[in-house]
Amino acid sequence: MPPHPKRKLSKGRRDRRRAHDALSPLHLVACPQCGALRRPHQVCPECGAYKGETIIEHKKEEKKS
């Protein structure tokens, strides 16, 4: 059998260990081409632009009614 803790960890010690486990919110910036929010240094998922150039061509979806 593996060894077990001799004493129970206090709530404070447990919480101090977990102090750095929280997720940080995503940093988003506005795309200069279309204004949609995107992550910095990434291609815009809406218009496909990066540094003023269109990298990915998006197809416009037509509504069928």
Protein backbone atom coordinates (compact mmCIF):
# COMPACT_ATOMS: atom_id res chain seq x y z
CA MET A 1 0.00 0.00 0.00
CA PRO A 2 1.24 3.51 -0.74
CA PRO A 3 1.99 5.87 2.13
CA HIS A 4 -0.81 8.11 3.38
CA PRO A 5 -0.65 11.61 4.83
CA LYS A 6 -0.04 11.60 8.56
CA ARG A 7 -2.07 14.77 9.16
CA LYS A 8 -5.00 16.43 7.39
CA LEU A 9 -4.05 19.48 5.31
CA SER A 10 -5.66 22.64 6.64
CA LYS A 11 -8.07 24.57 4.42
CA GLY A 12 -5.70 27.52 4.32
CA ARG A 13 -2.75 25.45 3.13
CA ARG A 14 -4.92 23.71 0.55
CA ASP A 15 -6.31 27.02 -0.72
CA ARG A 16 -2.87 28.65 -0.89
CA ARG A 17 -1.70 25.78 -3.10
CA ARG A 18 -4.70 26.33 -5.39
CA ALA A 19 -4.23 30.11 -5.56
CA HIS A 20 -2.61 29.93 -9.01
CA ASP A 21 -5.05 27.44 -10.56
CA ALA A 22 -7.69 29.97 -11.65
CA LEU A 23 -8.25 30.46 -15.37
CA SER A 24 -7.47 33.93 -16.67
CA PRO A 25 -9.92 35.55 -19.11
CA LEU A 26 -9.02 35.61 -22.81
CA HIS A 27 -7.45 38.83 -24.04
CA LEU A 28 -9.44 40.02 -27.06
CA VAL A 29 -8.82 42.92 -29.43
CA ALA A 30 -10.99 44.42 -32.16
CA CYS A 31 -10.15 43.48 -35.75
CA PRO A 32 -9.19 46.63 -37.72
CA GLN A 33 -10.89 45.25 -40.86
CA CYS A 34 -14.32 44.15 -39.61
CA GLY A 35 -14.37 45.16 -35.93
CA ALA A 36 -15.02 41.64 -34.63
CA LEU A 37 -13.27 40.51 -31.45
CA ARG A 38 -10.30 38.24 -32.02
CA ARG A 39 -7.20 37.08 -30.11
CA PRO A 40 -4.08 39.16 -30.71
CA HIS A 41 -1.55 37.91 -33.30
CA GLN A 42 -4.16 35.53 -34.77
CA VAL A 43 -6.09 35.53 -38.04
CA CYS A 44 -9.56 37.05 -37.61
CA PRO A 45 -12.16 34.23 -37.62
CA GLU A 46 -14.81 36.52 -39.15
CA CYS A 47 -13.05 38.13 -42.13
CA GLY A 48 -9.81 36.10 -42.34
CA ALA A 49 -7.51 39.16 -42.23
CA TYR A 50 -4.10 39.37 -40.55
CA LYS A 51 -1.94 42.51 -40.51
CA GLY A 52 -4.12 44.17 -43.14
CA GLU A 53 -4.01 41.28 -45.62
CA THR A 54 -6.72 38.73 -46.34
CA ILE A 55 -5.20 35.37 -45.51
CA ILE A 56 -8.30 33.16 -45.56
CA GLU A 57 -11.14 33.67 -48.03
CA HIS A 58 -14.56 33.20 -46.41
CA LYS A 59 -17.56 32.12 -48.44
CA LYS A 60 -20.69 34.20 -47.97
CA GLU A 61 -23.61 31.98 -46.98
CA GLU A 62 -26.82 32.61 -48.87
CA LYS A 63 -30.12 32.27 -47.04
CA LYS A 64 -32.54 29.88 -48.66
CA SER A 65 -36.17 30.89 -48.14
